Amino acid sequence: MLALSLALLVQVLFTTVQAPVSTSFAALPRTPGAPVLEALSLGDTLPLAHALILGLQSFDDQPGTHAGFADLDYDGVRGWLAAVLDLDPLGQYPLLLAAHVYSQAPDPVRQRSMLDFVSSRFASDPARRWPWLAHASLVARHRLQDDRLALAFASTLATQPASVPMPGWARQMAVFLHEDLHELEAARVLLGGLLQSGVVQDAHEVRFLMHKLEALERADDSASLSTSRH
């Protein structure tokens, strides 16, 4: 009965009354409020969350027509992703879709909306959500060509406490972005802080970062000397 109820719910939420074959694309319905979704879950939010995310994913395929990402209402997409994440806070699929799938829309505004969604949800569970923010940084840099936005995301990762389990490369992204932006002092300070914090444990990685820090210090000193001469 629960499965049948959820199937009917998804059909009501994600379809509109139309002819069997239509060339018009139905608009994404508005997200119900949290109390409505909680009531519809019948006390078990996980099945409802799974049903809704599947309904959202399949929404661009409608009888007689198919929509690209650029045709979707991204405010609506964001609302449904948020609703599913609220129903299943431990689930990662909404963030994966935002970072890897919906961020591929050929529209910078839509891309930024998805990256902002990932960023806005990161602080609630950084230990599980750091991969999506790291990917958001890569999307910002390589698709949007926005190094400042990429650096903002990477800096958030770099400043997480040692209690947040995260690989070294994720914490070090901001260092290399600072370096690419010719902000050598900022890169040096950040890298020195990472080494002093003790979050980097691997001996080979520590040695590599020490060499990198020395190179940054030399480059920073050379840049300062060149500036003083002029």
Foldseek 3Di string as FASTA:
>chain_A
DLVVLLVVVLCVQQDDDDPQADADQDARHADDDPVVLCVSNVNQLLVNLVSLVVSLVCSQDDHHHGDDLVPHDLVRLLRSLVSSCVSPVLDCVSLCCLLPPSLPPPDVVSVVSSLVSLVVSCVVPVLRSLVSLLSNLVCCCPVVVNLVVSLVSLCVQLPDALVRDDDPVSNLPNLVSCVVVVVLVVSLVSLVVSLVRCSDDDPVVSVVSVVVSVVSVVVVVVVVVVVVVD
